[in-house]
């Protein structure tokens, strides 16, 4: 049995301003009509001996991931919530331990949630080959056949052939090289890009981790054994997991084991680590431009232009990236695309919300978007999913006016409970307990006007919440 382990803990800072801490790239539609994590799960279809996936994610993303899986009729066997990012080795250890609760010794297929794979048939063939090697107690990594002297990836140097001509021993892992060294690797022909995808028996990985990183193994086991079940989620013990050493699979296990194997594969792979990578995988026009949204280009070449909320035009632009959202615009040379993370770091240092959230914020019940605001008022567009409801709550510093634009709202205001249809409105006084529910069969949309002395999101006192917040 193959259990996919989807690692969704990244923040995607190099893809700001679209990717942000509370809505990172793997939860966005970056290259298709599906989000990247949905694409990751979708491309597993057709692989034999496949079980429901285990997903490891940041606890802030839990409801979004659960909703995106529900949209695809995927029922993960577990969604494990990390209170802290500890890199990949502990995440996979906890997934391996969790997997053994339902299967005696399954094979794990470890996949980052934010990769693009253009040749799905080649991916499937590599997984089938990896499955056979994993059953023979190999710890398999997938090496991408390089087509350029790439300096942005680590490399795997392959050794001798093993039982199958397409399964090679691992001689060593090497760090990201400079341009000259990368060209040497390409010329030698036995170096492959490190994809960060792995395949092995749960027991084999755990035994190796216990041997080489005993403290990490013990912390991972204790964090899971003392975890809390929170609705559909496994919430790791925060105090225990905080003490767990952080490390990658590569450093913790793969570089130390004598059982590592690499399967070279050419599957049109890209880890979408920057805006220039999105330009590489996008559909370009006759001038080499890739554009998304309402974009008008004049005398521009080899550029990536993304418009999220308005018209974006360029004149005389070459080899640049332009990304527009409702609250931020990025302009960068493609050669400097990796440095976007430095802008995010500066935004965080300045305590600016643009590093973390969009104007449109997603919640387990739907979403809200700030349309306008000033010191004593704020206007929001609110969407409530079918069958969903907000918490029963009150605010100490603001009153609210609700106007239904679409759908049917069930409103609780003090002791009153009533329905509102399109074009109807109501007033929620300051300090009054209230709740909003979607009582219809289509998404509920309304305009909320807040007025008061303080309009922060932390002015909420919850009395009842089906999402356990």
Foldseek 3Di string as FASTA:
>chain_A
DEAEEEEEADQLLLAPPVGFNLQHQQLDDQADPARLLLVVVVLCPPAPPYDAYEYEYAPSCVLSVVVSCVVVVGDHPAYEHDPDDQAALLSLLLVLVVVCVVPVKHKYKYHYSQKDFQASVLVSVVVVVQRVLQVVFFKEFEFELDPALDQPFKKWAFDDADPDNQKTATPAIGHRDPSVVSVVQNVVRRIGGGRLIIIHISVSSLVQLCVQPVQLSVLSVQQQVPWDDAPRHTYGDNVSSVPHHGDYCCVRGVRPDRRYMYGYTHGRMDNCSFVLSSLVPADADPQSEHEEDQEAEECEHNEYEYDADDYDYDYNHYQWYWYDDPPDIDIGHVVCSNVSSVVLVVCVVVVHCSNHDDQWDADSQGIKGWDDDDQFKTKIKTKGAAFGKFFFKAFQWKKKKKAWQAAKKWKDWAPDTDIDHHRDMDIHDHPITMMIGGPGDGITIIMMMMGGNDDDPVRIDGDGGPNPD
